[in-house]
Amino acid sequence: MTTYPHVALDRGICAGQPHISGTRITVSMIAREVEHLRLSADEVVAAHPHLTLAQVHGALAYFYDHRDEIETAMREAEDIETELRARFSSRIQELLASR
């Protein structure tokens, strides 16, 4: 079994999603920033100065070893967000419309 020293899995933190130990930054957040926003690991650290380069690389190692699982969880979260946005109107939009 491969261990990831900078990645933790705890049901009580981040809804059980793999995250960087001692933080609430999920592996999927790091993966999204690198894969979709095309940030380098150094740019991720600049965006989250409380993280180390080793932590970011550890999260990416976990992501690449569990890519299907993480991407499935990301899609499911996006589907839930889309459904909730459709069901519940934005309070900000309501306030702007009332002006």
PDB file of N, CA and C in Angstrom:
ATOM      1  N   MET A   1       0.839  -1.176   0.000  1.00  0.00           N
ATOM      2  CA  MET A   1       0.000   0.000   0.000  1.00  0.00           C
ATOM      3  C   MET A   1       0.886   1.242   0.000  1.00  0.00           C
ATOM      4  N   THR A   2       0.596   2.171  -0.885  1.00  0.00           N
ATOM      5  CA  THR A   2       1.346   3.412  -0.975  1.00  0.00           C
ATOM      6  C   THR A   2       0.860   4.372   0.102  1.00  0.00           C
ATOM      7  N   THR A   3       1.796   5.028   0.743  1.00  0.00           N
ATOM      8  CA  THR A   3       1.428   6.043   1.733  1.00  0.00           C
ATOM      9  C   THR A   3       1.734   7.418   1.156  1.00  0.00           C
ATOM     10  N   TYR A   4       0.973   8.378   1.597  1.00  0.00           N
ATOM     11  CA  TYR A   4       1.111   9.756   1.150  1.00  0.00           C
ATOM     12  C   TYR A   4       1.266  10.610   2.403  1.00  0.00           C
ATOM     13  N   PRO A   5       2.508  10.962   2.758  1.00  0.00           N
ATOM     14  CA  PRO A   5       2.741  11.627   4.042  1.00  0.00           C
ATOM     15  C   PRO A   5       2.055  12.975   4.214  1.00  0.00           C
ATOM     16  N   HIS A   6       1.700  13.630   3.133  1.00  0.00           N
ATOM     17  CA  HIS A   6       1.072  14.948   3.249  1.00  0.00           C
ATOM     18  C   HIS A   6      -0.445  14.904   3.040  1.00  0.00           C
ATOM     19  N   VAL A   7      -0.984  13.713   2.837  1.00  0.00           N
ATOM     20  CA  VAL A   7      -2.419  13.576   2.543  1.00  0.00           C
ATOM     21  C   VAL A   7      -3.088  12.785   3.661  1.00  0.00           C
ATOM     22  N   ALA A   8      -4.243  13.279   4.098  1.00  0.00           N
ATOM     23  CA  ALA A   8      -5.009  12.610   5.154  1.00  0.00           C
ATOM     24  C   ALA A   8      -6.413  12.304   4.663  1.00  0.00           C
ATOM     25  N   LEU A   9      -6.980  11.255   5.214  1.00  0.00           N
ATOM     26  CA  LEU A   9      -8.376  10.904   4.986  1.00  0.00           C
ATOM     27  C   LEU A   9      -9.018  10.778   6.361  1.00  0.00           C
ATOM     28  N   ASP A  10      -9.982  11.620   6.628  1.00  0.00           N
ATOM     29  CA  ASP A  10     -10.638  11.643   7.934  1.00  0.00           C
ATOM     30  C   ASP A  10     -12.102  11.981   7.689  1.00  0.00           C
ATOM     31  N   ARG A  11     -12.995  11.111   8.111  1.00  0.00           N
ATOM     32  CA  ARG A  11     -14.435  11.341   7.890  1.00  0.00           C
ATOM     33  C   ARG A  11     -14.914  12.672   8.443  1.00  0.00           C
ATOM     34  N   GLY A  12     -14.272  13.155   9.486  1.00  0.00           N
ATOM     35  CA  GLY A  12     -14.703  14.390  10.126  1.00  0.00           C
ATOM     36  C   GLY A  12     -14.135  15.661   9.510  1.00  0.00           C
ATOM     37  N   ILE A  13     -13.281  15.523   8.511  1.00  0.00           N
ATOM     38  CA  ILE A  13     -12.667  16.685   7.873  1.00  0.00           C
ATOM     39  C   ILE A  13     -12.936  16.623   6.380  1.00  0.00           C
ATOM     40  N   CYS A  14     -13.421  17.709   5.832  1.00  0.00           N
ATOM     41  CA  CYS A  14     -13.683  17.823   4.388  1.00  0.00           C
ATOM     42  C   CYS A  14     -14.582  16.697   3.884  1.00  0.00           C
ATOM     43  N   ALA A  15     -15.555  16.333   4.699  1.00  0.00           N
ATOM     44  CA  ALA A  15     -16.524  15.291   4.337  1.00  0.00           C
ATOM     45  C   ALA A  15     -15.841  13.990   3.933  1.00  0.00           C
ATOM     46  N   GLY A  16     -14.677  13.723   4.525  1.00  0.00           N
ATOM     47  CA  GLY A  16     -13.977  12.485   4.248  1.00  0.00           C
ATOM     48  C   GLY A  16     -13.140  12.489   2.986  1.00  0.00           C
ATOM     49  N   GLN A  17     -13.118  13.621   2.292  1.00  0.00           N
ATOM     50  CA  GLN A  17     -12.310  13.699   1.076  1.00  0.00           C
ATOM     51  C   GLN A  17     -10.827  13.741   1.438  1.00  0.00           C
ATOM     52  N   PRO A  18      -9.967  13.192   0.583  1.00  0.00           N
ATOM     53  CA  PRO A  18      -8.537  13.304   0.843  1.00  0.00           C
ATOM     54  C   PRO A  18      -8.130  14.778   0.813  1.00  0.00           C
ATOM     55  N   HIS A  19      -7.350  15.179   1.793  1.00  0.00           N
ATOM     56  CA  HIS A  19      -6.955  16.584   1.922  1.00  0.00           C
ATOM     57  C   HIS A  19      -5.523  16.666   2.424  1.00  0.00           C
ATOM     58  N   ILE A  20      -4.945  17.836   2.305  1.00  0.00           N
ATOM     59  CA  ILE A  20      -3.592  18.036   2.804  1.00  0.00           C
ATOM     60  C   ILE A  20      -3.655  18.055   4.323  1.00  0.00           C
ATOM     61  N   SER A  21      -2.837  17.222   4.943  1.00  0.00           N
ATOM     62  CA  SER A  21      -2.830  17.081   6.401  1.00  0.00           C
ATOM     63  C   SER A  21      -2.708  18.446   7.081  1.00  0.00           C
ATOM     64  N   GLY A  22      -3.539  18.631   8.111  1.00  0.00           N
ATOM     65  CA  GLY A  22      -3.497  19.857   8.891  1.00  0.00           C
ATOM     66  C   GLY A  22      -4.187  21.034   8.240  1.00  0.00           C
ATOM     67  N   THR A  23      -4.846  20.797   7.104  1.00  0.00           N
ATOM     68  CA  THR A  23      -5.555  21.871   6.394  1.00  0.00           C
ATOM     69  C   THR A  23      -6.930  21.365   5.969  1.00  0.00           C
ATOM     70  N   ARG A  24      -7.693  22.255   5.368  1.00  0.00           N
ATOM     71  CA  ARG A  24      -8.965  21.874   4.766  1.00  0.00           C
ATOM     72  C   ARG A  24      -8.879  22.017   3.240  1.00  0.00           C
ATOM     73  N   ILE A  25      -7.662  21.972   2.733  1.00  0.00           N
ATOM     74  CA  ILE A  25      -7.430  22.033   1.288  1.00  0.00           C
ATOM     75  C   ILE A  25      -7.481  20.599   0.760  1.00  0.00           C
ATOM     76  N   THR A  26      -8.458  20.336  -0.109  1.00  0.00           N
ATOM     77  CA  THR A  26      -8.629  18.972  -0.617  1.00  0.00           C
ATOM     78  C   THR A  26      -7.701  18.695  -1.792  1.00  0.00           C
ATOM     79  N   VAL A  27      -7.446  17.428  -1.990  1.00  0.00           N
ATOM     80  CA  VAL A  27      -6.667  16.992  -3.142  1.00  0.00           C
ATOM     81  C   VAL A  27      -7.371  17.441  -4.418  1.00  0.00           C
ATOM     82  N   SER A  28      -8.700  17.360  -4.443  1.00  0.00           N
ATOM     83  CA  SER A  28      -9.422  17.764  -5.655  1.00  0.00           C
ATOM     84  C   SER A  28      -9.255  19.253  -5.933  1.00  0.00           C
ATOM     85  N   MET A  29      -9.142  20.083  -4.900  1.00  0.00           N
ATOM     86  CA  MET A  29      -8.925  21.516  -5.107  1.00  0.00           C
ATOM     87  C   MET A  29      -7.562  21.750  -5.770  1.00  0.00           C
ATOM     88  N   ILE A  30      -6.545  21.073  -5.271  1.00  0.00           N
ATOM     89  CA  ILE A  30      -5.206  21.201  -5.853  1.00  0.00           C
ATOM     90  C   ILE A  30      -5.217  20.681  -7.293  1.00  0.00           C
ATOM     91  N   ALA A  31      -5.846  19.538  -7.496  1.00  0.00           N
ATOM     92  CA  ALA A  31      -5.916  18.959  -8.839  1.00  0.00           C
ATOM     93  C   ALA A  31      -6.633  19.890  -9.802  1.00  0.00           C
ATOM     94  N   ARG A  32      -7.719  20.495  -9.357  1.00  0.00           N
ATOM     95  CA  ARG A  32      -8.471  21.419 -10.204  1.00  0.00           C
ATOM     96  C   ARG A  32      -7.596  22.613 -10.593  1.00  0.00           C
ATOM     97  N   GLU A  33      -6.843  23.133  -9.642  1.00  0.00           N
ATOM     98  CA  GLU A  33      -5.993  24.287  -9.926  1.00  0.00           C
ATOM     99  C   GLU A  33      -4.883  23.941 -10.918  1.00  0.00           C
ATOM    100  N   VAL A  34      -4.348  22.741 -10.819  1.00  0.00           N
ATOM    101  CA  VAL A  34      -3.268  22.331 -11.721  1.00  0.00           C
ATOM    102  C   VAL A  34      -3.817  21.864 -13.070  1.00  0.00           C
ATOM    103  N   GLU A  35      -4.827  21.016 -13.048  1.00  0.00           N
ATOM    104  CA  GLU A  35      -5.341  20.423 -14.282  1.00  0.00           C
ATOM    105  C   GLU A  35      -6.232  21.375 -15.090  1.00  0.00           C
ATOM    106  N   HIS A  36      -7.104  22.105 -14.406  1.00  0.00           N
ATOM    107  CA  HIS A  36      -8.088  22.919 -15.123  1.00  0.00           C
ATOM    108  C   HIS A  36      -7.670  24.383 -15.250  1.00  0.00           C
ATOM    109  N   LEU A  37      -7.049  24.914 -14.215  1.00  0.00           N
ATOM    110  CA  LEU A  37      -6.602  26.307 -14.266  1.00  0.00           C
ATOM    111  C   LEU A  37      -5.179  26.431 -14.807  1.00  0.00           C
ATOM    112  N   ARG A  38      -4.528  25.283 -14.962  1.00  0.00           N
ATOM    113  CA  ARG A  38      -3.169  25.223 -15.511  1.00  0.00           C
ATOM    114  C   ARG A  38      -2.134  25.974 -14.677  1.00  0.00           C
ATOM    115  N   LEU A  39      -2.326  25.960 -13.338  1.00  0.00           N
ATOM    116  CA  LEU A  39      -1.340  26.546 -12.456  1.00  0.00           C
ATOM    117  C   LEU A  39      -0.202  25.553 -12.251  1.00  0.00           C
ATOM    118  N   SER A  40       0.994  26.080 -12.090  1.00  0.00           N
ATOM    119  CA  SER A  40       2.119  25.218 -11.734  1.00  0.00           C
ATOM    120  C   SER A  40       2.062  24.964 -10.231  1.00  0.00           C
ATOM    121  N   ALA A  41       2.830  23.997  -9.767  1.00  0.00           N
ATOM    122  CA  ALA A  41       2.871  23.733  -8.321  1.00  0.00           C
ATOM    123  C   ALA A  41       3.352  24.974  -7.574  1.00  0.00           C
ATOM    124  N   ASP A  42       4.309  25.685  -8.123  1.00  0.00           N
ATOM    125  CA  ASP A  42       4.782  26.928  -7.493  1.00  0.00           C
ATOM    126  C   ASP A  42       3.664  27.973  -7.412  1.00  0.00           C
ATOM    127  N   GLU A  43       2.844  28.072  -8.448  1.00  0.00           N
ATOM    128  CA  GLU A  43       1.740  29.028  -8.441  1.00  0.00           C
ATOM    129  C   GLU A  43       0.669  28.628  -7.417  1.00  0.00           C
ATOM    130  N   VAL A  44       0.466  27.334  -7.232  1.00  0.00           N
ATOM    131  CA  VAL A  44      -0.479  26.867  -6.213  1.00  0.00           C
ATOM    132  C   VAL A  44       0.012  27.297  -4.836  1.00  0.00           C
ATOM    133  N   VAL A  45       1.307  27.142  -4.585  1.00  0.00           N
ATOM    134  CA  VAL A  45       1.877  27.561  -3.298  1.00  0.00           C
ATOM    135  C   VAL A  45       1.741  29.077  -3.134  1.00  0.00           C
ATOM    136  N   ALA A  46       1.949  29.831  -4.197  1.00  0.00           N
ATOM    137  CA  ALA A  46       1.793  31.290  -4.117  1.00  0.00           C
ATOM    138  C   ALA A  46       0.350  31.662  -3.793  1.00  0.00           C
ATOM    139  N   ALA A  47      -0.612  30.877  -4.315  1.00  0.00           N
ATOM    140  CA  ALA A  47      -2.027  31.134  -4.042  1.00  0.00           C
ATOM    141  C   ALA A  47      -2.433  30.690  -2.638  1.00  0.00           C
ATOM    142  N   HIS A  48      -1.707  29.738  -2.088  1.00  0.00           N
ATOM    143  CA  HIS A  48      -1.983  29.199  -0.751  1.00  0.00           C
ATOM    144  C   HIS A  48      -0.669  29.191   0.035  1.00  0.00           C
ATOM    145  N   PRO A  49      -0.223  30.359   0.482  1.00  0.00           N
ATOM    146  CA  PRO A  49       1.119  30.454   1.081  1.00  0.00           C
ATOM    147  C   PRO A  49       1.327  29.625   2.346  1.00  0.00           C
ATOM    148  N   HIS A  50       0.254  29.120   2.929  1.00  0.00           N
ATOM    149  CA  HIS A  50       0.420  28.263   4.101  1.00  0.00           C
ATOM    150  C   HIS A  50       0.794  26.832   3.711  1.00  0.00           C
ATOM    151  N   LEU A  51       0.780  26.526   2.409  1.00  0.00           N
ATOM    152  CA  LEU A  51       1.173  25.204   1.932  1.00  0.00           C
ATOM    153  C   LEU A  51       2.633  25.206   1.513  1.00  0.00           C
ATOM    154  N   THR A  52       3.227  24.018   1.587  1.00  0.00           N
ATOM    155  CA  THR A  52       4.590  23.860   1.084  1.00  0.00           C
ATOM    156  C   THR A  52       4.535  23.190  -0.283  1.00  0.00           C
ATOM    157  N   LEU A  53       5.631  23.318  -1.002  1.00  0.00           N
ATOM    158  CA  LEU A  53       5.720  22.663  -2.300  1.00  0.00           C
ATOM    159  C   LEU A  53       5.607  21.143  -2.138  1.00  0.00           C
ATOM    160  N   ALA A  54       6.174  20.616  -1.071  1.00  0.00           N
ATOM    161  CA  ALA A  54       6.082  19.170  -0.814  1.00  0.00           C
ATOM    162  C   ALA A  54       4.626  18.747  -0.612  1.00  0.00           C
ATOM    163  N   GLN A  55       3.842  19.555   0.093  1.00  0.00           N
ATOM    164  CA  GLN A  55       2.430  19.224   0.310  1.00  0.00           C
ATOM    165  C   GLN A  55       1.665  19.215  -1.020  1.00  0.00           C
ATOM    166  N   VAL A  56       1.927  20.205  -1.866  1.00  0.00           N
ATOM    167  CA  VAL A  56       1.246  20.276  -3.165  1.00  0.00           C
ATOM    168  C   VAL A  56       1.637  19.067  -4.010  1.00  0.00           C
ATOM    169  N   HIS A  57       2.911  18.745  -4.048  1.00  0.00           N
ATOM    170  CA  HIS A  57       3.337  17.585  -4.830  1.00  0.00           C
ATOM    171  C   HIS A  57       2.776  16.286  -4.248  1.00  0.00           C
ATOM    172  N   GLY A  58       2.657  16.216  -2.936  1.00  0.00           N
ATOM    173  CA  GLY A  58       2.049  15.041  -2.312  1.00  0.00           C
ATOM    174  C   GLY A  58       0.588  14.887  -2.714  1.00  0.00           C
ATOM    175  N   ALA A  59      -0.136  16.012  -2.722  1.00  0.00           N
ATOM    176  CA  ALA A  59      -1.540  15.983  -3.144  1.00  0.00           C
ATOM    177  C   ALA A  59      -1.655  15.572  -4.605  1.00  0.00           C
ATOM    178  N   LEU A  60      -0.747  16.073  -5.430  1.00  0.00           N
ATOM    179  CA  LEU A  60      -0.780  15.708  -6.849  1.00  0.00           C
ATOM    180  C   LEU A  60      -0.426  14.234  -7.053  1.00  0.00           C
ATOM    181  N   ALA A  61       0.511  13.723  -6.271  1.00  0.00           N
ATOM    182  CA  ALA A  61       0.841  12.296  -6.367  1.00  0.00           C
ATOM    183  C   ALA A  61      -0.391  11.455  -6.030  1.00  0.00           C
ATOM    184  N   TYR A  62      -1.096  11.855  -4.962  1.00  0.00           N
ATOM    185  CA  TYR A  62      -2.311  11.135  -4.582  1.00  0.00           C
ATOM    186  C   TYR A  62      -3.339  11.223  -5.712  1.00  0.00           C
ATOM    187  N   PHE A  63      -3.508  12.412  -6.263  1.00  0.00           N
ATOM    188  CA  PHE A  63      -4.473  12.597  -7.355  1.00  0.00           C
ATOM    189  C   PHE A  63      -4.138  11.688  -8.538  1.00  0.00           C
ATOM    190  N   TYR A  64      -2.900  11.703  -8.981  1.00  0.00           N
ATOM    191  CA  TYR A  64      -2.545  10.904 -10.151  1.00  0.00           C
ATOM    192  C   TYR A  64      -2.661   9.400  -9.877  1.00  0.00           C
ATOM    193  N   ASP A  65      -2.454   8.986  -8.650  1.00  0.00           N
ATOM    194  CA  ASP A  65      -2.628   7.577  -8.309  1.00  0.00           C
ATOM    195  C   ASP A  65      -4.093   7.185  -8.144  1.00  0.00           C
ATOM    196  N   HIS A  66      -4.977   8.171  -7.923  1.00  0.00           N
ATOM    197  CA  HIS A  66      -6.408   7.916  -7.691  1.00  0.00           C
ATOM    198  C   HIS A  66      -7.270   8.794  -8.604  1.00  0.00           C
ATOM    199  N   ARG A  67      -6.795   9.048  -9.792  1.00  0.00           N
ATOM    200  CA  ARG A  67      -7.418  10.009 -10.696  1.00  0.00           C
ATOM    201  C   ARG A  67      -8.904   9.730 -10.948  1.00  0.00           C
ATOM    202  N   ASP A  68      -9.247   8.506 -11.293  1.00  0.00           N
ATOM    203  CA  ASP A  68     -10.651   8.186 -11.598  1.00  0.00           C
ATOM    204  C   ASP A  68     -11.555   8.481 -10.403  1.00  0.00           C
ATOM    205  N   GLU A  69     -11.125   8.059  -9.234  1.00  0.00           N
ATOM    206  CA  GLU A  69     -11.900   8.272  -8.006  1.00  0.00           C
ATOM    207  C   GLU A  69     -12.094   9.766  -7.722  1.00  0.00           C
ATOM    208  N   ILE A  70     -11.023  10.549  -7.827  1.00  0.00           N
ATOM    209  CA  ILE A  70     -11.095  11.985  -7.534  1.00  0.00           C
ATOM    210  C   ILE A  70     -11.945  12.700  -8.586  1.00  0.00           C
ATOM    211  N   GLU A  71     -11.753  12.377  -9.857  1.00  0.00           N
ATOM    212  CA  GLU A  71     -12.534  13.029 -10.912  1.00  0.00           C
ATOM    213  C   GLU A  71     -14.013  12.684 -10.806  1.00  0.00           C
ATOM    214  N   THR A  72     -14.338  11.458 -10.420  1.00  0.00           N
ATOM    215  CA  THR A  72     -15.734  11.084 -10.213  1.00  0.00           C
ATOM    216  C   THR A  72     -16.335  11.912  -9.082  1.00  0.00           C
ATOM    217  N   ALA A  73     -15.612  12.046  -7.983  1.00  0.00           N
ATOM    218  CA  ALA A  73     -16.090  12.850  -6.853  1.00  0.00           C
ATOM    219  C   ALA A  73     -16.256  14.313  -7.256  1.00  0.00           C
ATOM    220  N   MET A  74     -15.354  14.829  -8.082  1.00  0.00           N
ATOM    221  CA  MET A  74     -15.455  16.216  -8.541  1.00  0.00           C
ATOM    222  C   MET A  74     -16.706  16.412  -9.407  1.00  0.00           C
ATOM    223  N   ARG A  75     -16.957  15.451 -10.306  1.00  0.00           N
ATOM    224  CA  ARG A  75     -18.157  15.540 -11.156  1.00  0.00           C
ATOM    225  C   ARG A  75     -19.426  15.463 -10.321  1.00  0.00           C
ATOM    226  N   GLU A  76     -19.454  14.571  -9.335  1.00  0.00           N
ATOM    227  CA  GLU A  76     -20.628  14.451  -8.470  1.00  0.00           C
ATOM    228  C   GLU A  76     -20.870  15.748  -7.697  1.00  0.00           C
ATOM    229  N   ALA A  77     -19.816  16.367  -7.204  1.00  0.00           N
ATOM    230  CA  ALA A  77     -19.955  17.636  -6.480  1.00  0.00           C
ATOM    231  C   ALA A  77     -20.462  18.731  -7.407  1.00  0.00           C
ATOM    232  N   GLU A  78     -19.977  18.763  -8.639  1.00  0.00           N
ATOM    233  CA  GLU A  78     -20.450  19.751  -9.613  1.00  0.00           C
ATOM    234  C   GLU A  78     -21.917  19.527  -9.937  1.00  0.00           C
ATOM    235  N   ASP A  79     -22.337  18.260 -10.060  1.00  0.00           N
ATOM    236  CA  ASP A  79     -23.741  17.947 -10.336  1.00  0.00           C
ATOM    237  C   ASP A  79     -24.640  18.416  -9.187  1.00  0.00           C
ATOM    238  N   ILE A  80     -24.200  18.185  -7.961  1.00  0.00           N
ATOM    239  CA  ILE A  80     -24.967  18.621  -6.795  1.00  0.00           C
ATOM    240  C   ILE A  80     -25.061  20.144  -6.777  1.00  0.00           C
ATOM    241  N   GLU A  81     -23.946  20.816  -7.049  1.00  0.00           N
ATOM    242  CA  GLU A  81     -23.964  22.284  -7.069  1.00  0.00           C
ATOM    243  C   GLU A  81     -24.911  22.806  -8.139  1.00  0.00           C
ATOM    244  N   THR A  82     -24.871  22.218  -9.317  1.00  0.00           N
ATOM    245  CA  THR A  82     -25.759  22.638 -10.411  1.00  0.00           C
ATOM    246  C   THR A  82     -27.217  22.445 -10.016  1.00  0.00           C
ATOM    247  N   GLU A  83     -27.529  21.303  -9.408  1.00  0.00           N
ATOM    248  CA  GLU A  83     -28.899  21.025  -8.975  1.00  0.00           C
ATOM    249  C   GLU A  83     -29.355  22.037  -7.916  1.00  0.00           C
ATOM    250  N   LEU A  84     -28.498  22.326  -6.948  1.00  0.00           N
ATOM    251  CA  LEU A  84     -28.859  23.280  -5.894  1.00  0.00           C
ATOM    252  C   LEU A  84     -29.039  24.689  -6.445  1.00  0.00           C
ATOM    253  N   ARG A  85     -28.183  25.088  -7.382  1.00  0.00           N
ATOM    254  CA  ARG A  85     -28.323  26.418  -7.991  1.00  0.00           C
ATOM    255  C   ARG A  85     -29.643  26.533  -8.760  1.00  0.00           C
ATOM    256  N   ALA A  86     -30.066  25.436  -9.370  1.00  0.00           N
ATOM    257  CA  ALA A  86     -31.327  25.442 -10.119  1.00  0.00           C
ATOM    258  C   ALA A  86     -32.523  25.488  -9.169  1.00  0.00           C
ATOM    259  N   ARG A  87     -32.405  24.844  -8.007  1.00  0.00           N
ATOM    260  CA  ARG A  87     -33.519  24.779  -7.060  1.00  0.00           C
ATOM    261  C   ARG A  87     -33.657  26.030  -6.200  1.00  0.00           C
ATOM    262  N   PHE A  88     -32.545  26.673  -5.890  1.00  0.00           N
ATOM    263  CA  PHE A  88     -32.566  27.805  -4.971  1.00  0.00           C
ATOM    264  C   PHE A  88     -31.986  29.036  -5.644  1.00  0.00           C
ATOM    265  N   SER A  89     -32.763  30.083  -5.646  1.00  0.00           N
ATOM    266  CA  SER A  89     -32.299  31.308  -6.302  1.00  0.00           C
ATOM    267  C   SER A  89     -31.199  31.960  -5.469  1.00  0.00           C
ATOM    268  N   SER A  90     -30.396  32.727  -6.158  1.00  0.00           N
ATOM    269  CA  SER A  90     -29.301  33.435  -5.504  1.00  0.00           C
ATOM    270  C   SER A  90     -29.842  34.669  -4.790  1.00  0.00           C
ATOM    271  N   ARG A  91     -29.502  34.814  -3.546  1.00  0.00           N
ATOM    272  CA  ARG A  91     -29.930  35.988  -2.762  1.00  0.00           C
ATOM    273  C   ARG A  91     -29.355  37.260  -3.368  1.00  0.00           C
ATOM    274  N   ILE A  92     -28.145  37.189  -3.881  1.00  0.00           N
ATOM    275  CA  ILE A  92     -27.521  38.355  -4.512  1.00  0.00           C
ATOM    276  C   ILE A  92     -28.292  38.748  -5.757  1.00  0.00           C
ATOM    277  N   GLN A  93     -28.667  37.784  -6.558  1.00  0.00           N
ATOM    278  CA  GLN A  93     -29.463  38.096  -7.748  1.00  0.00           C
ATOM    279  C   GLN A  93     -30.797  38.702  -7.378  1.00  0.00           C
ATOM    280  N   GLU A  94     -31.413  38.213  -6.322  1.00  0.00           N
ATOM    281  CA  GLU A  94     -32.684  38.783  -5.861  1.00  0.00           C
ATOM    282  C   GLU A  94     -32.499  40.237  -5.421  1.00  0.00           C
ATOM    283  N   LEU A  95     -31.437  40.510  -4.687  1.00  0.00           N
ATOM    284  CA  LEU A  95     -31.175  41.871  -4.236  1.00  0.00           C
ATOM    285  C   LEU A  95     -30.897  42.809  -5.404  1.00  0.00           C
ATOM    286  N   LEU A  96     -30.127  42.344  -6.373  1.00  0.00           N
ATOM    287  CA  LEU A  96     -29.843  43.172  -7.547  1.00  0.00           C
ATOM    288  C   LEU A  96     -31.105  43.418  -8.365  1.00  0.00           C
ATOM    289  N   ALA A  97     -31.959  42.407  -8.489  1.00  0.00           N
ATOM    290  CA  ALA A  97     -33.191  42.556  -9.250  1.00  0.00           C
ATOM    291  C   ALA A  97     -34.157  43.524  -8.597  1.00  0.00           C
ATOM    292  N   SER A  98     -34.082  43.634  -7.278  1.00  0.00           N
ATOM    293  CA  SER A  98     -35.009  44.509  -6.556  1.00  0.00           C
ATOM    294  C   SER A  98     -34.599  45.971  -6.606  1.00  0.00           C
ATOM    295  N   ARG A  99     -33.454  46.271  -7.137  1.00  0.00           N
ATOM    296  CA  ARG A  99     -32.972  47.658  -7.197  1.00  0.00           C
ATOM    297  C   ARG A  99     -33.615  48.440  -8.281  1.00  0.00           C
TER     298      ARG A  99
END
